[in-house]
Amino acid sequence: MASRARLLGLLVGWLIVIGLLVGAFVFYGGTRLSQPHRLTGFPHMPLYGAITWWFFLAIPMIGLTYGVLNEWRKK
């Protein structure tokens, strides 16, 4: 049962990570959000900056997936 809960957690986690990637492309791919504001300069994060933050947040999911699959392979 714990194995099933762990796999379900991984699935939900990967859905969130994929949703964040899609959101980065939608909100930062050449839209006004990726351009600097004329008064404050905020947010001015081009697409490559958003993808960098996405990868920083996706690294734990990659590690968790590797660990779970490694444990599953050893059984």
Protein backbone atom coordinates (compact mmCIF):
# COMPACT_ATOMS: atom_id res chain seq x y z
CA MET A 1 0.00 0.00 0.00
CA ALA A 2 2.87 2.40 0.75
CA SER A 3 4.29 1.68 -2.69
CA ARG A 4 1.00 2.66 -4.32
CA ALA A 5 0.80 5.87 -2.30
CA ARG A 6 4.39 6.73 -3.24
CA LEU A 7 3.68 6.17 -6.95
CA LEU A 8 0.52 8.27 -6.69
CA GLY A 9 2.53 11.03 -5.02
CA LEU A 10 5.11 10.88 -7.82
CA LEU A 11 2.37 11.09 -10.42
CA VAL A 12 0.83 14.15 -8.76
CA GLY A 13 4.26 15.72 -8.36
CA TRP A 14 5.10 15.22 -12.03
CA LEU A 15 1.74 16.65 -13.07
CA ILE A 16 2.54 19.77 -11.03
CA VAL A 17 6.04 20.01 -12.57
CA ILE A 18 4.65 19.62 -16.10
CA GLY A 19 1.96 22.20 -15.29
CA LEU A 20 4.65 24.65 -14.18
CA LEU A 21 6.56 24.06 -17.42
CA VAL A 22 3.46 24.70 -19.50
CA GLY A 23 2.73 27.78 -17.39
CA ALA A 24 6.25 29.08 -18.03
CA PHE A 25 5.75 28.76 -21.78
CA VAL A 26 2.30 30.36 -21.65
CA PHE A 27 3.12 33.27 -19.34
CA TYR A 28 6.71 34.02 -20.27
CA GLY A 29 6.93 33.06 -23.95
CA GLY A 30 7.11 36.51 -25.50
CA THR A 31 4.17 37.92 -23.53
CA ARG A 32 3.94 41.22 -21.67
CA LEU A 33 4.89 39.41 -18.47
CA SER A 34 8.34 38.71 -19.91
CA GLN A 35 8.90 42.38 -20.77
CA PRO A 36 10.09 44.92 -18.18
CA HIS A 37 7.53 47.30 -16.74
CA ARG A 38 8.24 50.86 -17.88
CA LEU A 39 8.37 52.27 -14.33
CA THR A 40 9.68 49.53 -12.07
CA GLY A 41 11.42 47.09 -14.42
CA PHE A 42 9.51 44.25 -12.76
CA PRO A 43 9.24 41.33 -13.55
CA HIS A 44 11.42 41.22 -16.70
CA MET A 45 12.00 37.49 -16.66
CA PRO A 46 12.47 36.14 -20.16
CA LEU A 47 11.52 32.57 -20.99
CA TYR A 48 15.00 31.19 -20.31
CA GLY A 49 14.86 32.66 -16.80
CA ALA A 50 11.50 31.05 -16.15
CA ILE A 51 12.79 27.70 -17.41
CA THR A 52 15.82 28.02 -15.14
CA TRP A 53 13.54 28.47 -12.12
CA TRP A 54 11.37 25.59 -13.32
CA PHE A 55 14.39 23.29 -13.51
CA PHE A 56 15.49 24.39 -10.04
CA LEU A 57 12.06 23.35 -8.73
CA ALA A 58 11.99 20.13 -10.81
CA ILE A 59 15.32 18.79 -9.49
CA PRO A 60 13.75 17.31 -6.31
CA MET A 61 11.14 15.47 -8.41
CA ILE A 62 13.89 14.02 -10.58
CA GLY A 63 15.73 12.81 -7.48
CA LEU A 64 12.61 11.35 -5.88
CA THR A 65 11.70 9.54 -9.09
CA TYR A 66 15.18 8.10 -9.39
CA GLY A 67 15.07 6.90 -5.77
CA VAL A 68 11.65 5.29 -6.09
CA LEU A 69 12.51 3.57 -9.37
CA ASN A 70 15.80 2.36 -7.91
CA GLU A 71 13.99 0.85 -4.89
CA TRP A 72 11.40 -0.70 -7.21
CA ARG A 73 14.14 -2.23 -9.37
CA LYS A 74 15.84 -3.79 -6.32
CA LYS A 75 12.65 -5.60 -5.18
